[in-house]
Amino acid sequence: MTAYSGQLRMPGESGPSLGVEVDLSESRMRVLAGETEIGNWELADVLVNAEEDGFHVRVEGEEIILRVEQDAEFAINLGLRSAPPVLRRRMSAILREHE
């Protein structure tokens, strides 16, 4: 799977999140809100940290927070090695299924 549904918000904002689709194909991260492209970056240029409140994505001097429905698959697809304990357990379960 390379396309994920989720919610985007800016750090420090408490208002409603923006519904987005995140595509991780072709070594890129593309974030769309409906027909509007929010970002399209090379994965090599994107720094992602899994935290309790979502995936903190830092690119081009900006930061966004993504909450993705299939968070464990998303983290694995990004190649993340560290995550909060609950997410790590879900990632491990998926990796065990594929062995």
PDB file of N, CA and C in Angstrom:
ATOM      1  N   MET A   1       0.841  -1.179   0.000  1.00  0.00           N
ATOM      2  CA  MET A   1       0.000   0.000   0.000  1.00  0.00           C
ATOM      3  C   MET A   1       0.884   1.239   0.000  1.00  0.00           C
ATOM      4  N   THR A   2       0.569   2.183  -0.871  1.00  0.00           N
ATOM      5  CA  THR A   2       1.335   3.426  -0.889  1.00  0.00           C
ATOM      6  C   THR A   2       0.465   4.656  -0.699  1.00  0.00           C
ATOM      7  N   ALA A   3      -0.866   4.512  -0.661  1.00  0.00           N
ATOM      8  CA  ALA A   3      -1.769   5.656  -0.460  1.00  0.00           C
ATOM      9  C   ALA A   3      -2.477   5.504   0.881  1.00  0.00           C
ATOM     10  N   TYR A   4      -2.516   6.576   1.635  1.00  0.00           N
ATOM     11  CA  TYR A   4      -3.064   6.552   2.989  1.00  0.00           C
ATOM     12  C   TYR A   4      -4.007   7.721   3.205  1.00  0.00           C
ATOM     13  N   SER A   5      -5.119   7.465   3.875  1.00  0.00           N
ATOM     14  CA  SER A   5      -6.049   8.525   4.270  1.00  0.00           C
ATOM     15  C   SER A   5      -5.650   9.017   5.649  1.00  0.00           C
ATOM     16  N   GLY A   6      -5.806  10.317   5.861  1.00  0.00           N
ATOM     17  CA  GLY A   6      -5.453  10.834   7.165  1.00  0.00           C
ATOM     18  C   GLY A   6      -5.928  12.244   7.390  1.00  0.00           C
ATOM     19  N   GLN A   7      -5.378  12.844   8.433  1.00  0.00           N
ATOM     20  CA  GLN A   7      -5.701  14.207   8.845  1.00  0.00           C
ATOM     21  C   GLN A   7      -4.403  14.989   8.994  1.00  0.00           C
ATOM     22  N   LEU A   8      -4.433  16.238   8.560  1.00  0.00           N
ATOM     23  CA  LEU A   8      -3.259  17.105   8.643  1.00  0.00           C
ATOM     24  C   LEU A   8      -3.594  18.295   9.528  1.00  0.00           C
ATOM     25  N   ARG A   9      -2.632  18.662  10.348  1.00  0.00           N
ATOM     26  CA  ARG A   9      -2.748  19.900  11.118  1.00  0.00           C
ATOM     27  C   ARG A   9      -1.366  20.494  11.298  1.00  0.00           C
ATOM     28  N   MET A  10      -1.340  21.745  11.662  1.00  0.00           N
ATOM     29  CA  MET A  10      -0.084  22.433  11.931  1.00  0.00           C
ATOM     30  C   MET A  10       0.214  22.331  13.426  1.00  0.00           C
ATOM     31  N   PRO A  11       1.491  22.271  13.808  1.00  0.00           N
ATOM     32  CA  PRO A  11       1.826  22.226  15.231  1.00  0.00           C
ATOM     33  C   PRO A  11       1.253  23.439  15.968  1.00  0.00           C
ATOM     34  N   GLY A  12       0.720  23.200  17.142  1.00  0.00           N
ATOM     35  CA  GLY A  12       0.181  24.281  17.957  1.00  0.00           C
ATOM     36  C   GLY A  12      -1.252  24.664  17.627  1.00  0.00           C
ATOM     37  N   GLU A  13      -1.802  24.157  16.538  1.00  0.00           N
ATOM     38  CA  GLU A  13      -3.185  24.469  16.194  1.00  0.00           C
ATOM     39  C   GLU A  13      -4.126  23.487  16.875  1.00  0.00           C
ATOM     40  N   SER A  14      -5.242  23.993  17.382  1.00  0.00           N
ATOM     41  CA  SER A  14      -6.189  23.118  18.062  1.00  0.00           C
ATOM     42  C   SER A  14      -7.502  22.994  17.301  1.00  0.00           C
ATOM     43  N   GLY A  15      -7.634  23.680  16.182  1.00  0.00           N
ATOM     44  CA  GLY A  15      -8.860  23.625  15.398  1.00  0.00           C
ATOM     45  C   GLY A  15      -8.990  22.309  14.657  1.00  0.00           C
ATOM     46  N   PRO A  16     -10.002  22.220  13.804  1.00  0.00           N
ATOM     47  CA  PRO A  16     -10.225  20.973  13.066  1.00  0.00           C
ATOM     48  C   PRO A  16      -9.061  20.671  12.114  1.00  0.00           C
ATOM     49  N   SER A  17      -8.826  19.383  11.922  1.00  0.00           N
ATOM     50  CA  SER A  17      -7.784  18.939  11.008  1.00  0.00           C
ATOM     51  C   SER A  17      -8.327  18.924   9.583  1.00  0.00           C
ATOM     52  N   LEU A  18      -7.422  18.896   8.627  1.00  0.00           N
ATOM     53  CA  LEU A  18      -7.764  18.857   7.216  1.00  0.00           C
ATOM     54  C   LEU A  18      -7.653  17.422   6.723  1.00  0.00           C
ATOM     55  N   GLY A  19      -8.695  16.892   6.110  1.00  0.00           N
ATOM     56  CA  GLY A  19      -8.646  15.553   5.548  1.00  0.00           C
ATOM     57  C   GLY A  19      -7.722  15.517   4.343  1.00  0.00           C
ATOM     58  N   VAL A  20      -6.799  14.541   4.319  1.00  0.00           N
ATOM     59  CA  VAL A  20      -5.827  14.450   3.234  1.00  0.00           C
ATOM     60  C   VAL A  20      -5.628  13.001   2.798  1.00  0.00           C
ATOM     61  N   GLU A  21      -5.061  12.856   1.627  1.00  0.00           N
ATOM     62  CA  GLU A  21      -4.550  11.585   1.122  1.00  0.00           C
ATOM     63  C   GLU A  21      -3.043  11.750   0.993  1.00  0.00           C
ATOM     64  N   VAL A  22      -2.294  10.756   1.461  1.00  0.00           N
ATOM     65  CA  VAL A  22      -0.838  10.796   1.392  1.00  0.00           C
ATOM     66  C   VAL A  22      -0.392   9.632   0.508  1.00  0.00           C
ATOM     67  N   ASP A  23       0.346   9.946  -0.542  1.00  0.00           N
ATOM     68  CA  ASP A  23       0.848   8.930  -1.465  1.00  0.00           C
ATOM     69  C   ASP A  23       2.365   8.847  -1.307  1.00  0.00           C
ATOM     70  N   LEU A  24       2.862   7.643  -1.070  1.00  0.00           N
ATOM     71  CA  LEU A  24       4.302   7.436  -0.882  1.00  0.00           C
ATOM     72  C   LEU A  24       4.934   6.671  -2.045  1.00  0.00           C
ATOM     73  N   SER A  25       4.389   6.795  -3.229  1.00  0.00           N
ATOM     74  CA  SER A  25       4.943   6.050  -4.361  1.00  0.00           C
ATOM     75  C   SER A  25       6.081   6.814  -5.031  1.00  0.00           C
ATOM     76  N   GLU A  26       6.900   6.069  -5.764  1.00  0.00           N
ATOM     77  CA  GLU A  26       7.998   6.617  -6.571  1.00  0.00           C
ATOM     78  C   GLU A  26       8.980   7.465  -5.768  1.00  0.00           C
ATOM     79  N   SER A  27       9.286   7.038  -4.544  1.00  0.00           N
ATOM     80  CA  SER A  27      10.248   7.729  -3.673  1.00  0.00           C
ATOM     81  C   SER A  27       9.867   9.178  -3.392  1.00  0.00           C
ATOM     82  N   ARG A  28       8.573   9.437  -3.349  1.00  0.00           N
ATOM     83  CA  ARG A  28       8.073  10.781  -3.078  1.00  0.00           C
ATOM     84  C   ARG A  28       6.979  10.710  -2.024  1.00  0.00           C
ATOM     85  N   MET A  29       6.743  11.830  -1.357  1.00  0.00           N
ATOM     86  CA  MET A  29       5.591  11.992  -0.476  1.00  0.00           C
ATOM     87  C   MET A  29       4.735  13.087  -1.094  1.00  0.00           C
ATOM     88  N   ARG A  30       3.542  12.696  -1.493  1.00  0.00           N
ATOM     89  CA  ARG A  30       2.601  13.644  -2.090  1.00  0.00           C
ATOM     90  C   ARG A  30       1.394  13.731  -1.163  1.00  0.00           C
ATOM     91  N   VAL A  31       1.031  14.945  -0.753  1.00  0.00           N
ATOM     92  CA  VAL A  31      -0.084  15.176   0.162  1.00  0.00           C
ATOM     93  C   VAL A  31      -1.148  15.978  -0.579  1.00  0.00           C
ATOM     94  N   LEU A  32      -2.360  15.400  -0.643  1.00  0.00           N
ATOM     95  CA  LEU A  32      -3.469  16.031  -1.360  1.00  0.00           C
ATOM     96  C   LEU A  32      -4.656  16.235  -0.431  1.00  0.00           C
ATOM     97  N   ALA A  33      -5.306  17.383  -0.549  1.00  0.00           N
ATOM     98  CA  ALA A  33      -6.584  17.655   0.117  1.00  0.00           C
ATOM     99  C   ALA A  33      -7.596  17.824  -1.008  1.00  0.00           C
ATOM    100  N   GLY A  34      -8.314  16.751  -1.300  1.00  0.00           N
ATOM    101  CA  GLY A  34      -9.208  16.770  -2.457  1.00  0.00           C
ATOM    102  C   GLY A  34      -8.372  16.866  -3.716  1.00  0.00           C
ATOM    103  N   GLU A  35      -8.634  17.863  -4.526  1.00  0.00           N
ATOM    104  CA  GLU A  35      -7.870  18.079  -5.764  1.00  0.00           C
ATOM    105  C   GLU A  35      -6.664  18.997  -5.556  1.00  0.00           C
ATOM    106  N   THR A  36      -6.515  19.541  -4.352  1.00  0.00           N
ATOM    107  CA  THR A  36      -5.442  20.500  -4.076  1.00  0.00           C
ATOM    108  C   THR A  36      -4.207  19.785  -3.538  1.00  0.00           C
ATOM    109  N   GLU A  37      -3.081  19.999  -4.205  1.00  0.00           N
ATOM    110  CA  GLU A  37      -1.817  19.419  -3.749  1.00  0.00           C
ATOM    111  C   GLU A  37      -1.211  20.324  -2.690  1.00  0.00           C
ATOM    112  N   ILE A  38      -1.027  19.757  -1.498  1.00  0.00           N
ATOM    113  CA  ILE A  38      -0.424  20.506  -0.385  1.00  0.00           C
ATOM    114  C   ILE A  38       1.088  20.435  -0.460  1.00  0.00           C
ATOM    115  N   GLY A  39       1.604  19.275  -0.867  1.00  0.00           N
ATOM    116  CA  GLY A  39       3.046  19.099  -0.987  1.00  0.00           C
ATOM    117  C   GLY A  39       3.383  17.903  -1.844  1.00  0.00           C
ATOM    118  N   ASN A  40       4.568  17.968  -2.442  1.00  0.00           N
ATOM    119  CA  ASN A  40       5.074  16.886  -3.277  1.00  0.00           C
ATOM    120  C   ASN A  40       6.594  16.935  -3.157  1.00  0.00           C
ATOM    121  N   TRP A  41       7.151  16.049  -2.317  1.00  0.00           N
ATOM    122  CA  TRP A  41       8.562  16.121  -1.991  1.00  0.00           C
ATOM    123  C   TRP A  41       9.248  14.784  -2.212  1.00  0.00           C
ATOM    124  N   GLU A  42      10.535  14.828  -2.496  1.00  0.00           N
ATOM    125  CA  GLU A  42      11.370  13.626  -2.510  1.00  0.00           C
ATOM    126  C   GLU A  42      11.435  13.106  -1.073  1.00  0.00           C
ATOM    127  N   LEU A  43      11.262  11.802  -0.899  1.00  0.00           N
ATOM    128  CA  LEU A  43      11.332  11.239   0.459  1.00  0.00           C
ATOM    129  C   LEU A  43      12.681  11.513   1.117  1.00  0.00           C
ATOM    130  N   ALA A  44      13.741  11.594   0.319  1.00  0.00           N
ATOM    131  CA  ALA A  44      15.065  11.870   0.868  1.00  0.00           C
ATOM    132  C   ALA A  44      15.137  13.251   1.516  1.00  0.00           C
ATOM    133  N   ASP A  45      14.237  14.161   1.134  1.00  0.00           N
ATOM    134  CA  ASP A  45      14.235  15.523   1.677  1.00  0.00           C
ATOM    135  C   ASP A  45      13.300  15.686   2.872  1.00  0.00           C
ATOM    136  N   VAL A  46      12.590  14.616   3.229  1.00  0.00           N
ATOM    137  CA  VAL A  46      11.566  14.681   4.270  1.00  0.00           C
ATOM    138  C   VAL A  46      12.068  13.975   5.527  1.00  0.00           C
ATOM    139  N   LEU A  47      11.929  14.629   6.671  1.00  0.00           N
ATOM    140  CA  LEU A  47      12.251  14.026   7.958  1.00  0.00           C
ATOM    141  C   LEU A  47      10.931  13.741   8.669  1.00  0.00           C
ATOM    142  N   VAL A  48      10.719  12.468   9.026  1.00  0.00           N
ATOM    143  CA  VAL A  48       9.464  12.071   9.680  1.00  0.00           C
ATOM    144  C   VAL A  48       9.789  11.422  11.018  1.00  0.00           C
ATOM    145  N   ASN A  49       9.125  11.888  12.065  1.00  0.00           N
ATOM    146  CA  ASN A  49       9.223  11.291  13.394  1.00  0.00           C
ATOM    147  C   ASN A  49       7.833  10.872  13.835  1.00  0.00           C
ATOM    148  N   ALA A  50       7.713   9.632  14.276  1.00  0.00           N
ATOM    149  CA  ALA A  50       6.445   9.154  14.831  1.00  0.00           C
ATOM    150  C   ALA A  50       6.395   9.560  16.291  1.00  0.00           C
ATOM    151  N   GLU A  51       5.361  10.317  16.651  1.00  0.00           N
ATOM    152  CA  GLU A  51       5.176  10.752  18.030  1.00  0.00           C
ATOM    153  C   GLU A  51       3.765  10.387  18.470  1.00  0.00           C
ATOM    154  N   GLU A  52       3.455  10.614  19.722  1.00  0.00           N
ATOM    155  CA  GLU A  52       2.150  10.240  20.272  1.00  0.00           C
ATOM    156  C   GLU A  52       0.990  10.891  19.528  1.00  0.00           C
ATOM    157  N   ASP A  53       1.175  12.130  19.068  1.00  0.00           N
ATOM    158  CA  ASP A  53       0.083  12.856  18.422  1.00  0.00           C
ATOM    159  C   ASP A  53       0.054  12.701  16.903  1.00  0.00           C
ATOM    160  N   GLY A  54       0.928  11.884  16.351  1.00  0.00           N
ATOM    161  CA  GLY A  54       0.946  11.662  14.905  1.00  0.00           C
ATOM    162  C   GLY A  54       2.360  11.681  14.352  1.00  0.00           C
ATOM    163  N   PHE A  55       2.438  11.708  13.036  1.00  0.00           N
ATOM    164  CA  PHE A  55       3.723  11.746  12.346  1.00  0.00           C
ATOM    165  C   PHE A  55       4.101  13.204  12.111  1.00  0.00           C
ATOM    166  N   HIS A  56       5.215  13.621  12.694  1.00  0.00           N
ATOM    167  CA  HIS A  56       5.705  14.981  12.503  1.00  0.00           C
ATOM    168  C   HIS A  56       6.583  14.974  11.260  1.00  0.00           C
ATOM    169  N   VAL A  57       6.128  15.695  10.251  1.00  0.00           N
ATOM    170  CA  VAL A  57       6.805  15.733   8.960  1.00  0.00           C
ATOM    171  C   VAL A  57       7.468  17.093   8.818  1.00  0.00           C
ATOM    172  N   ARG A  58       8.790  17.076   8.649  1.00  0.00           N
ATOM    173  CA  ARG A  58       9.541  18.322   8.493  1.00  0.00           C
ATOM    174  C   ARG A  58      10.176  18.333   7.100  1.00  0.00           C
ATOM    175  N   VAL A  59       9.893  19.413   6.377  1.00  0.00           N
ATOM    176  CA  VAL A  59      10.425  19.552   5.028  1.00  0.00           C
ATOM    177  C   VAL A  59      10.427  21.034   4.654  1.00  0.00           C
ATOM    178  N   GLU A  60      11.465  21.454   3.965  1.00  0.00           N
ATOM    179  CA  GLU A  60      11.589  22.837   3.488  1.00  0.00           C
ATOM    180  C   GLU A  60      11.378  23.860   4.603  1.00  0.00           C
ATOM    181  N   GLY A  61      11.863  23.561   5.800  1.00  0.00           N
ATOM    182  CA  GLY A  61      11.765  24.494   6.918  1.00  0.00           C
ATOM    183  C   GLY A  61      10.393  24.575   7.565  1.00  0.00           C
ATOM    184  N   GLU A  62       9.472  23.737   7.151  1.00  0.00           N
ATOM    185  CA  GLU A  62       8.119  23.720   7.703  1.00  0.00           C
ATOM    186  C   GLU A  62       7.846  22.392   8.400  1.00  0.00           C
ATOM    187  N   GLU A  63       6.822  22.372   9.235  1.00  0.00           N
ATOM    188  CA  GLU A  63       6.421  21.141   9.910  1.00  0.00           C
ATOM    189  C   GLU A  63       4.911  20.988   9.819  1.00  0.00           C
ATOM    190  N   ILE A  64       4.473  19.767   9.532  1.00  0.00           N
ATOM    191  CA  ILE A  64       3.066  19.413   9.586  1.00  0.00           C
ATOM    192  C   ILE A  64       2.938  18.152  10.435  1.00  0.00           C
ATOM    193  N   ILE A  65       1.753  17.924  10.939  1.00  0.00           N
ATOM    194  CA  ILE A  65       1.496  16.702  11.709  1.00  0.00           C
ATOM    195  C   ILE A  65       0.417  15.915  10.982  1.00  0.00           C
ATOM    196  N   LEU A  66       0.746  14.672  10.657  1.00  0.00           N
ATOM    197  CA  LEU A  66      -0.186  13.781   9.976  1.00  0.00           C
ATOM    198  C   LEU A  66      -0.639  12.685  10.929  1.00  0.00           C
ATOM    199  N   ARG A  67      -1.929  12.448  10.969  1.00  0.00           N
ATOM    200  CA  ARG A  67      -2.488  11.269  11.630  1.00  0.00           C
ATOM    201  C   ARG A  67      -3.038  10.420  10.505  1.00  0.00           C
ATOM    202  N   VAL A  68      -2.529   9.205  10.394  1.00  0.00           N
ATOM    203  CA  VAL A  68      -2.868   8.327   9.283  1.00  0.00           C
ATOM    204  C   VAL A  68      -3.614   7.116   9.823  1.00  0.00           C
ATOM    205  N   GLU A  69      -4.698   6.734   9.138  1.00  0.00           N
ATOM    206  CA  GLU A  69      -5.510   5.607   9.599  1.00  0.00           C
ATOM    207  C   GLU A  69      -4.703   4.313   9.681  1.00  0.00           C
ATOM    208  N   GLN A  70      -3.905   4.022   8.694  1.00  0.00           N
ATOM    209  CA  GLN A  70      -3.072   2.811   8.676  1.00  0.00           C
ATOM    210  C   GLN A  70      -1.661   3.193   9.133  1.00  0.00           C
ATOM    211  N   ASP A  71      -1.559   3.635  10.382  1.00  0.00           N
ATOM    212  CA  ASP A  71      -0.305   4.216  10.860  1.00  0.00           C
ATOM    213  C   ASP A  71       0.868   3.243  10.858  1.00  0.00           C
ATOM    214  N   ALA A  72       0.642   1.981  11.208  1.00  0.00           N
ATOM    215  CA  ALA A  72       1.753   1.021  11.243  1.00  0.00           C
ATOM    216  C   ALA A  72       2.284   0.755   9.841  1.00  0.00           C
ATOM    217  N   GLU A  73       1.397   0.572   8.880  1.00  0.00           N
ATOM    218  CA  GLU A  73       1.811   0.357   7.495  1.00  0.00           C
ATOM    219  C   GLU A  73       2.556   1.582   6.959  1.00  0.00           C
ATOM    220  N   PHE A  74       2.045   2.759   7.300  1.00  0.00           N
ATOM    221  CA  PHE A  74       2.668   4.017   6.883  1.00  0.00           C
ATOM    222  C   PHE A  74       4.090   4.106   7.430  1.00  0.00           C
ATOM    223  N   ALA A  75       4.256   3.817   8.719  1.00  0.00           N
ATOM    224  CA  ALA A  75       5.579   3.875   9.349  1.00  0.00           C
ATOM    225  C   ALA A  75       6.545   2.875   8.705  1.00  0.00           C
ATOM    226  N   ILE A  76       6.064   1.676   8.437  1.00  0.00           N
ATOM    227  CA  ILE A  76       6.906   0.663   7.794  1.00  0.00           C
ATOM    228  C   ILE A  76       7.293   1.101   6.400  1.00  0.00           C
ATOM    229  N   ASN A  77       6.341   1.636   5.643  1.00  0.00           N
ATOM    230  CA  ASN A  77       6.608   2.087   4.283  1.00  0.00           C
ATOM    231  C   ASN A  77       7.636   3.213   4.267  1.00  0.00           C
ATOM    232  N   LEU A  78       7.631   4.038   5.302  1.00  0.00           N
ATOM    233  CA  LEU A  78       8.622   5.114   5.410  1.00  0.00           C
ATOM    234  C   LEU A  78       9.983   4.609   5.898  1.00  0.00           C
ATOM    235  N   GLY A  79      10.018   3.383   6.420  1.00  0.00           N
ATOM    236  CA  GLY A  79      11.260   2.836   6.943  1.00  0.00           C
ATOM    237  C   GLY A  79      11.596   3.326   8.336  1.00  0.00           C
ATOM    238  N   LEU A  80      10.586   3.762   9.089  1.00  0.00           N
ATOM    239  CA  LEU A  80      10.851   4.254  10.447  1.00  0.00           C
ATOM    240  C   LEU A  80      11.297   3.113  11.343  1.00  0.00           C
ATOM    241  N   ARG A  81      12.241   3.393  12.217  1.00  0.00           N
ATOM    242  CA  ARG A  81      12.757   2.399  13.159  1.00  0.00           C
ATOM    243  C   ARG A  81      12.344   2.686  14.586  1.00  0.00           C
ATOM    244  N   SER A  82      11.958   3.922  14.870  1.00  0.00           N
ATOM    245  CA  SER A  82      11.529   4.253  16.225  1.00  0.00           C
ATOM    246  C   SER A  82      10.125   4.839  16.163  1.00  0.00           C
ATOM    247  N   ALA A  83       9.354   4.544  17.205  1.00  0.00           N
ATOM    248  CA  ALA A  83       7.971   5.000  17.293  1.00  0.00           C
ATOM    249  C   ALA A  83       7.511   4.821  18.732  1.00  0.00           C
ATOM    250  N   PRO A  84       6.403   5.451  19.096  1.00  0.00           N
ATOM    251  CA  PRO A  84       5.839   5.210  20.427  1.00  0.00           C
ATOM    252  C   PRO A  84       5.504   3.720  20.588  1.00  0.00           C
ATOM    253  N   PRO A  85       5.484   3.226  21.828  1.00  0.00           N
ATOM    254  CA  PRO A  85       5.311   1.786  22.077  1.00  0.00           C
ATOM    255  C   PRO A  85       4.103   1.139  21.391  1.00  0.00           C
ATOM    256  N   VAL A  86       2.954   1.770  21.430  1.00  0.00           N
ATOM    257  CA  VAL A  86       1.758   1.165  20.823  1.00  0.00           C
ATOM    258  C   VAL A  86       1.950   0.996  19.324  1.00  0.00           C
ATOM    259  N   LEU A  87       2.490   2.005  18.672  1.00  0.00           N
ATOM    260  CA  LEU A  87       2.736   1.927  17.234  1.00  0.00           C
ATOM    261  C   LEU A  87       3.806   0.886  16.925  1.00  0.00           C
ATOM    262  N   ARG A  88       4.843   0.815  17.739  1.00  0.00           N
ATOM    263  CA  ARG A  88       5.890  -0.203  17.527  1.00  0.00           C
ATOM    264  C   ARG A  88       5.311  -1.610  17.578  1.00  0.00           C
ATOM    265  N   ARG A  89       4.389  -1.855  18.514  1.00  0.00           N
ATOM    266  CA  ARG A  89       3.763  -3.181  18.609  1.00  0.00           C
ATOM    267  C   ARG A  89       2.969  -3.501  17.337  1.00  0.00           C
ATOM    268  N   ARG A  90       2.213  -2.528  16.820  1.00  0.00           N
ATOM    269  CA  ARG A  90       1.450  -2.756  15.586  1.00  0.00           C
ATOM    270  C   ARG A  90       2.385  -2.979  14.404  1.00  0.00           C
ATOM    271  N   MET A  91       3.483  -2.247  14.351  1.00  0.00           N
ATOM    272  CA  MET A  91       4.469  -2.439  13.284  1.00  0.00           C
ATOM    273  C   MET A  91       5.062  -3.844  13.363  1.00  0.00           C
ATOM    274  N   SER A  92       5.419  -4.264  14.571  1.00  0.00           N
ATOM    275  CA  SER A  92       5.998  -5.604  14.755  1.00  0.00           C
ATOM    276  C   SER A  92       5.030  -6.689  14.325  1.00  0.00           C
ATOM    277  N   ALA A  93       3.752  -6.530  14.666  1.00  0.00           N
ATOM    278  CA  ALA A  93       2.752  -7.520  14.286  1.00  0.00           C
ATOM    279  C   ALA A  93       2.646  -7.641  12.772  1.00  0.00           C
ATOM    280  N   ILE A  94       2.696  -6.534  12.080  1.00  0.00           N
ATOM    281  CA  ILE A  94       2.611  -6.566  10.605  1.00  0.00           C
ATOM    282  C   ILE A  94       3.868  -7.227  10.031  1.00  0.00           C
ATOM    283  N   LEU A  95       5.006  -6.878  10.559  1.00  0.00           N
ATOM    284  CA  LEU A  95       6.258  -7.476  10.057  1.00  0.00           C
ATOM    285  C   LEU A  95       6.287  -8.980  10.295  1.00  0.00           C
ATOM    286  N   ARG A  96       5.782  -9.434  11.454  1.00  0.00           N
ATOM    287  CA  ARG A  96       5.710 -10.873  11.724  1.00  0.00           C
ATOM    288  C   ARG A  96       4.784 -11.567  10.748  1.00  0.00           C
ATOM    289  N   GLU A  97       3.665 -10.948  10.387  1.00  0.00           N
ATOM    290  CA  GLU A  97       2.725 -11.536   9.429  1.00  0.00           C
ATOM    291  C   GLU A  97       3.370 -11.763   8.065  1.00  0.00           C
ATOM    292  N   HIS A  98       4.302 -10.887   7.702  1.00  0.00           N
ATOM    293  CA  HIS A  98       4.926 -10.952   6.383  1.00  0.00           C
ATOM    294  C   HIS A  98       6.160 -11.846   6.338  1.00  0.00           C
ATOM    295  N   GLU A  99       6.542 -12.406   7.479  1.00  0.00           N
ATOM    296  CA  GLU A  99       7.717 -13.284   7.503  1.00  0.00           C
ATOM    297  C   GLU A  99       7.374 -14.673   7.009  1.00  0.00           C
TER     298      GLU A  99
END
